[in-house]
Amino acid sequence: MTFNEEWDEFLLKASKHFNVMANQEFLLFLAGIQALGKGYKSYSKQEKMDLIALGQCKLLSQKGFMIAVGNDYEGWPTFEAKTSLDVMSYLEKERLMREALMEYYEQVINN
């Protein structure tokens, strides 16, 4: 099975589990909500974008590319880069994020 086929299968499982048409942004958004630790509520468009970025940071920290350094003045987790992603192509970064998402949600979806 190719990686793209694995990704499509994962999205199908995630869609069934969460009862939505799951995509990468949705899964990053949920990871961001978990990282924030304040539960689901109504978020502004900017907060949703910030939660997606937070989800990316959380996943990249689990892959060793970032490190959590504390919280900002609003209580949001902050991260610093440990390793630059600049040497990676867009496609390599995309695959890295997808692999990280599949690893992160593996236990949630399979239980």
N, C-alpha and C. Protein backbone atom coordinates (compact mmCIF):
# COMPACT_ATOMS: atom_id res chain seq x y z
N MET A 1 0.85 -1.17 0.00
CA MET A 1 0.00 0.00 0.00
C MET A 1 0.90 1.24 0.00
N THR A 2 0.58 2.20 -0.86
CA THR A 2 1.36 3.43 -0.92
C THR A 2 1.01 4.33 0.26
N PHE A 3 1.86 5.31 0.50
CA PHE A 3 1.59 6.23 1.60
C PHE A 3 0.28 6.99 1.37
N ASN A 4 0.03 7.41 0.13
CA ASN A 4 -1.22 8.13 -0.16
C ASN A 4 -2.44 7.26 0.11
N GLU A 5 -2.34 5.98 -0.18
CA GLU A 5 -3.45 5.07 0.12
C GLU A 5 -3.63 4.91 1.63
N GLU A 6 -2.52 4.85 2.36
CA GLU A 6 -2.60 4.78 3.82
C GLU A 6 -3.25 6.05 4.38
N TRP A 7 -2.87 7.21 3.84
CA TRP A 7 -3.44 8.48 4.28
C TRP A 7 -4.95 8.51 4.01
N ASP A 8 -5.35 8.10 2.81
CA ASP A 8 -6.77 8.08 2.47
C ASP A 8 -7.55 7.14 3.39
N GLU A 9 -6.97 5.99 3.70
CA GLU A 9 -7.61 5.04 4.61
C GLU A 9 -7.71 5.64 6.01
N PHE A 10 -6.67 6.32 6.45
CA PHE A 10 -6.68 6.99 7.75
C PHE A 10 -7.77 8.06 7.80
N LEU A 11 -7.88 8.88 6.75
CA LEU A 11 -8.92 9.91 6.72
C LEU A 11 -10.32 9.31 6.78
N LEU A 12 -10.50 8.18 6.13
CA LEU A 12 -11.79 7.50 6.17
C LEU A 12 -12.11 7.05 7.59
N LYS A 13 -11.12 6.44 8.27
CA LYS A 13 -11.31 6.01 9.66
C LYS A 13 -11.60 7.20 10.56
N ALA A 14 -10.85 8.29 10.36
CA ALA A 14 -11.05 9.49 11.18
C ALA A 14 -12.44 10.08 10.92
N SER A 15 -12.86 10.08 9.68
CA SER A 15 -14.18 10.61 9.34
C SER A 15 -15.27 9.81 10.03
N LYS A 16 -15.15 8.50 10.02
CA LYS A 16 -16.13 7.65 10.69
C LYS A 16 -16.08 7.85 12.19
N HIS A 17 -14.88 7.94 12.76
CA HIS A 17 -14.73 8.09 14.21
C HIS A 17 -15.34 9.40 14.70
N PHE A 18 -15.04 10.50 14.00
CA PHE A 18 -15.50 11.82 14.44
C PHE A 18 -16.83 12.22 13.81
N ASN A 19 -17.36 11.39 12.93
CA ASN A 19 -18.65 11.63 12.28
C ASN A 19 -18.66 12.94 11.48
N VAL A 20 -17.54 13.20 10.78
CA VAL A 20 -17.39 14.36 9.90
C VAL A 20 -16.55 13.93 8.71
N MET A 21 -16.46 14.79 7.71
CA MET A 21 -15.52 14.56 6.62
C MET A 21 -14.18 15.13 7.07
N ALA A 22 -13.37 14.30 7.69
CA ALA A 22 -12.10 14.75 8.26
C ALA A 22 -11.09 15.07 7.17
N ASN A 23 -10.34 16.12 7.40
CA ASN A 23 -9.21 16.46 6.54
C ASN A 23 -8.06 16.88 7.44
N GLN A 24 -6.95 17.22 6.84
CA GLN A 24 -5.75 17.54 7.62
C GLN A 24 -5.98 18.73 8.55
N GLU A 25 -6.61 19.79 8.06
CA GLU A 25 -6.85 20.97 8.89
C GLU A 25 -7.74 20.64 10.09
N PHE A 26 -8.78 19.86 9.87
CA PHE A 26 -9.68 19.48 10.96
C PHE A 26 -8.92 18.72 12.04
N LEU A 27 -8.07 17.79 11.63
CA LEU A 27 -7.33 16.99 12.59
C LEU A 27 -6.28 17.81 13.33
N LEU A 28 -5.66 18.77 12.64
CA LEU A 28 -4.73 19.68 13.31
C LEU A 28 -5.46 20.57 14.29
N PHE A 29 -6.66 21.03 13.91
CA PHE A 29 -7.49 21.84 14.80
C PHE A 29 -7.81 21.09 16.09
N LEU A 30 -8.21 19.83 15.97
CA LEU A 30 -8.50 19.03 17.16
C LEU A 30 -7.25 18.81 18.02
N ALA A 31 -6.12 18.57 17.37
CA ALA A 31 -4.86 18.41 18.11
C ALA A 31 -4.52 19.70 18.84
N GLY A 32 -4.80 20.85 18.21
CA GLY A 32 -4.57 22.14 18.85
C GLY A 32 -5.46 22.35 20.06
N ILE A 33 -6.71 21.94 19.95
CA ILE A 33 -7.64 22.04 21.09
C ILE A 33 -7.12 21.20 22.25
N GLN A 34 -6.67 20.00 21.96
CA GLN A 34 -6.12 19.14 23.01
C GLN A 34 -4.88 19.75 23.63
N ALA A 35 -4.02 20.32 22.80
CA ALA A 35 -2.79 20.94 23.32
C ALA A 35 -3.10 22.14 24.19
N LEU A 36 -4.13 22.90 23.82
CA LEU A 36 -4.52 24.07 24.60
C LEU A 36 -5.10 23.66 25.94
N GLY A 37 -5.85 22.56 25.94
CA GLY A 37 -6.37 22.01 27.18
C GLY A 37 -7.57 22.73 27.76
N LYS A 38 -8.27 23.52 26.95
CA LYS A 38 -9.43 24.26 27.45
C LYS A 38 -10.75 23.70 26.92
N GLY A 39 -10.68 22.58 26.21
CA GLY A 39 -11.89 21.95 25.69
C GLY A 39 -12.45 22.67 24.48
N TYR A 40 -13.49 22.07 23.94
CA TYR A 40 -14.12 22.64 22.76
C TYR A 40 -15.09 23.72 23.17
N LYS A 41 -15.03 24.83 22.47
CA LYS A 41 -15.96 25.94 22.64
C LYS A 41 -16.04 26.66 21.31
N SER A 42 -16.74 27.73 21.28
CA SER A 42 -16.81 28.53 20.06
C SER A 42 -15.53 29.36 19.94
N TYR A 43 -14.84 29.23 18.81
CA TYR A 43 -13.60 29.95 18.59
C TYR A 43 -13.76 30.90 17.40
N SER A 44 -13.10 32.05 17.48
CA SER A 44 -13.09 32.98 16.36
C SER A 44 -12.28 32.38 15.22
N LYS A 45 -12.40 32.97 14.04
CA LYS A 45 -11.63 32.48 12.89
C LYS A 45 -10.13 32.54 13.19
N GLN A 46 -9.66 33.61 13.81
CA GLN A 46 -8.25 33.74 14.13
C GLN A 46 -7.83 32.68 15.15
N GLU A 47 -8.67 32.44 16.14
CA GLU A 47 -8.35 31.40 17.13
C GLU A 47 -8.29 30.03 16.48
N LYS A 48 -9.17 29.77 15.53
CA LYS A 48 -9.13 28.49 14.81
C LYS A 48 -7.81 28.33 14.05
N MET A 49 -7.37 29.39 13.41
CA MET A 49 -6.09 29.34 12.70
C MET A 49 -4.94 29.13 13.70
N ASP A 50 -5.03 29.80 14.84
CA ASP A 50 -4.01 29.63 15.88
C ASP A 50 -4.01 28.20 16.43
N LEU A 51 -5.19 27.61 16.55
CA LEU A 51 -5.29 26.23 17.04
C LEU A 51 -4.70 25.24 16.03
N ILE A 52 -4.89 25.50 14.75
CA ILE A 52 -4.28 24.65 13.72
C ILE A 52 -2.75 24.75 13.83
N ALA A 53 -2.23 25.97 13.99
CA ALA A 53 -0.78 26.16 14.14
C ALA A 53 -0.29 25.49 15.42
N LEU A 54 -1.07 25.57 16.49
CA LEU A 54 -0.71 24.91 17.74
C LEU A 54 -0.67 23.40 17.56
N GLY A 55 -1.64 22.86 16.82
CA GLY A 55 -1.64 21.43 16.53
C GLY A 55 -0.39 21.02 15.76
N GLN A 56 0.02 21.86 14.81
CA GLN A 56 1.24 21.57 14.06
C GLN A 56 2.45 21.56 14.99
N CYS A 57 2.52 22.55 15.87
CA CYS A 57 3.66 22.62 16.80
C CYS A 57 3.68 21.40 17.72
N LYS A 58 2.51 21.00 18.21
CA LYS A 58 2.42 19.83 19.09
C LYS A 58 2.93 18.59 18.37
N LEU A 59 2.49 18.40 17.15
CA LEU A 59 2.91 17.22 16.39
C LEU A 59 4.39 17.28 16.03
N LEU A 60 4.88 18.45 15.67
CA LEU A 60 6.30 18.59 15.35
C LEU A 60 7.17 18.38 16.58
N SER A 61 6.64 18.71 17.75
CA SER A 61 7.40 18.46 18.98
C SER A 61 7.50 16.96 19.23
N GLN A 62 6.46 16.22 18.90
CA GLN A 62 6.50 14.77 19.08
C GLN A 62 7.44 14.10 18.09
N LYS A 63 7.72 14.78 16.98
CA LYS A 63 8.65 14.26 15.98
C LYS A 63 10.07 14.79 16.21
N GLY A 64 10.25 15.62 17.25
CA GLY A 64 11.58 16.10 17.60
C GLY A 64 12.02 17.37 16.89
N PHE A 65 11.12 18.04 16.18
CA PHE A 65 11.47 19.26 15.47
C PHE A 65 11.25 20.52 16.29
N MET A 66 10.41 20.45 17.31
CA MET A 66 10.12 21.60 18.17
C MET A 66 10.13 21.14 19.62
N ILE A 67 10.21 22.13 20.51
CA ILE A 67 10.19 21.83 21.94
C ILE A 67 9.25 22.83 22.63
N ALA A 68 8.42 22.31 23.53
CA ALA A 68 7.54 23.18 24.31
C ALA A 68 8.38 23.96 25.31
N VAL A 69 8.15 25.29 25.38
CA VAL A 69 8.96 26.12 26.27
C VAL A 69 8.14 26.83 27.34
N GLY A 70 6.84 26.61 27.36
CA GLY A 70 6.00 27.26 28.38
C GLY A 70 4.70 27.73 27.78
N ASN A 71 4.15 28.77 28.38
CA ASN A 71 2.88 29.34 27.93
C ASN A 71 3.04 30.84 27.76
N ASP A 72 2.23 31.41 26.86
CA ASP A 72 2.25 32.86 26.69
C ASP A 72 1.33 33.51 27.73
N TYR A 73 1.15 34.81 27.64
CA TYR A 73 0.35 35.54 28.63
C TYR A 73 -1.13 35.16 28.63
N GLU A 74 -1.61 34.54 27.56
CA GLU A 74 -2.99 34.08 27.49
C GLU A 74 -3.14 32.61 27.87
N GLY A 75 -2.03 31.98 28.24
CA GLY A 75 -2.07 30.57 28.64
C GLY A 75 -1.90 29.58 27.51
N TRP A 76 -1.58 30.06 26.31
CA TRP A 76 -1.39 29.17 25.18
C TRP A 76 0.03 28.60 25.21
N PRO A 77 0.18 27.31 24.93
CA PRO A 77 1.52 26.72 24.90
C PRO A 77 2.38 27.40 23.83
N THR A 78 3.66 27.55 24.13
CA THR A 78 4.60 28.12 23.16
C THR A 78 5.69 27.09 22.87
N PHE A 79 6.21 27.16 21.66
CA PHE A 79 7.20 26.20 21.19
C PHE A 79 8.36 26.93 20.54
N GLU A 80 9.51 26.29 20.55
CA GLU A 80 10.67 26.78 19.81
C GLU A 80 11.17 25.66 18.91
N ALA A 81 11.71 26.06 17.77
CA ALA A 81 12.25 25.08 16.83
C ALA A 81 13.54 24.48 17.37
N LYS A 82 13.64 23.16 17.33
CA LYS A 82 14.88 22.45 17.66
C LYS A 82 15.67 22.20 16.39
N THR A 83 14.96 21.89 15.34
CA THR A 83 15.56 21.56 14.05
C THR A 83 14.79 22.32 12.97
N SER A 84 15.50 22.88 12.03
CA SER A 84 14.86 23.63 10.95
C SER A 84 14.23 22.68 9.94
N LEU A 85 13.08 23.07 9.47
CA LEU A 85 12.41 22.32 8.41
C LEU A 85 12.72 22.92 7.03
N ASP A 86 13.54 23.98 7.02
CA ASP A 86 13.83 24.68 5.77
C ASP A 86 14.51 23.81 4.73
N VAL A 87 15.22 22.78 5.17
CA VAL A 87 15.93 21.92 4.21
C VAL A 87 14.99 20.92 3.54
N MET A 88 13.76 20.82 4.06
CA MET A 88 12.80 19.88 3.49
C MET A 88 11.96 20.55 2.41
N SER A 89 11.60 19.79 1.41
CA SER A 89 10.70 20.30 0.37
C SER A 89 9.28 20.36 0.93
N TYR A 90 8.41 21.03 0.20
CA TYR A 90 7.00 21.11 0.61
C TYR A 90 6.40 19.71 0.75
N LEU A 91 6.68 18.84 -0.21
CA LEU A 91 6.12 17.49 -0.18
C LEU A 91 6.65 16.69 1.01
N GLU A 92 7.92 16.87 1.35
CA GLU A 92 8.49 16.19 2.51
C GLU A 92 7.84 16.68 3.81
N LYS A 93 7.61 18.00 3.89
CA LYS A 93 6.95 18.56 5.07
C LYS A 93 5.50 18.06 5.19
N GLU A 94 4.84 17.99 4.06
CA GLU A 94 3.45 17.51 4.03
C GLU A 94 3.39 16.05 4.50
N ARG A 95 4.29 15.25 4.02
CA ARG A 95 4.32 13.84 4.44
C ARG A 95 4.65 13.72 5.92
N LEU A 96 5.61 14.50 6.39
CA LEU A 96 5.96 14.50 7.81
C LEU A 96 4.75 14.82 8.67
N MET A 97 3.98 15.84 8.30
CA MET A 97 2.81 16.23 9.07
C MET A 97 1.75 15.14 9.02
N ARG A 98 1.56 14.54 7.88
CA ARG A 98 0.57 13.47 7.76
C ARG A 98 0.98 12.25 8.59
N GLU A 99 2.25 11.91 8.55
CA GLU A 99 2.74 10.79 9.38
C GLU A 99 2.51 11.10 10.85
N ALA A 100 2.81 12.33 11.24
CA ALA A 100 2.64 12.73 12.64
C ALA A 100 1.16 12.68 13.05
N LEU A 101 0.28 13.10 12.16
CA LEU A 101 -1.16 13.02 12.45
C LEU A 101 -1.62 11.57 12.62
N MET A 102 -1.17 10.71 11.73
CA MET A 102 -1.57 9.30 11.83
C MET A 102 -1.07 8.69 13.13
N GLU A 103 0.16 9.00 13.51
CA GLU A 103 0.71 8.48 14.77
C GLU A 103 -0.06 9.03 15.96
N TYR A 104 -0.37 10.32 15.93
CA TYR A 104 -1.05 10.99 17.05
C TYR A 104 -2.45 10.42 17.28
N TYR A 105 -3.17 10.19 16.18
CA TYR A 105 -4.56 9.72 16.31
C TYR A 105 -4.71 8.21 16.29
N GLU A 106 -3.62 7.48 16.10
CA GLU A 106 -3.71 6.02 15.99
C GLU A 106 -4.49 5.39 17.14
N GLN A 107 -4.18 5.75 18.36
CA GLN A 107 -4.84 5.15 19.51
C GLN A 107 -6.28 5.62 19.62
N VAL A 108 -6.54 6.88 19.32
CA VAL A 108 -7.91 7.41 19.44
C VAL A 108 -8.85 6.68 18.49
N ILE A 109 -8.42 6.53 17.25
CA ILE A 109 -9.30 5.95 16.22
C ILE A 109 -9.40 4.44 16.36
N ASN A 110 -8.33 3.78 16.77
CA ASN A 110 -8.34 2.33 16.86
C ASN A 110 -8.97 1.78 18.13
N ASN A 111 -9.36 2.64 19.04
CA ASN A 111 -10.01 2.18 20.29
C ASN A 111 -11.50 2.41 20.22
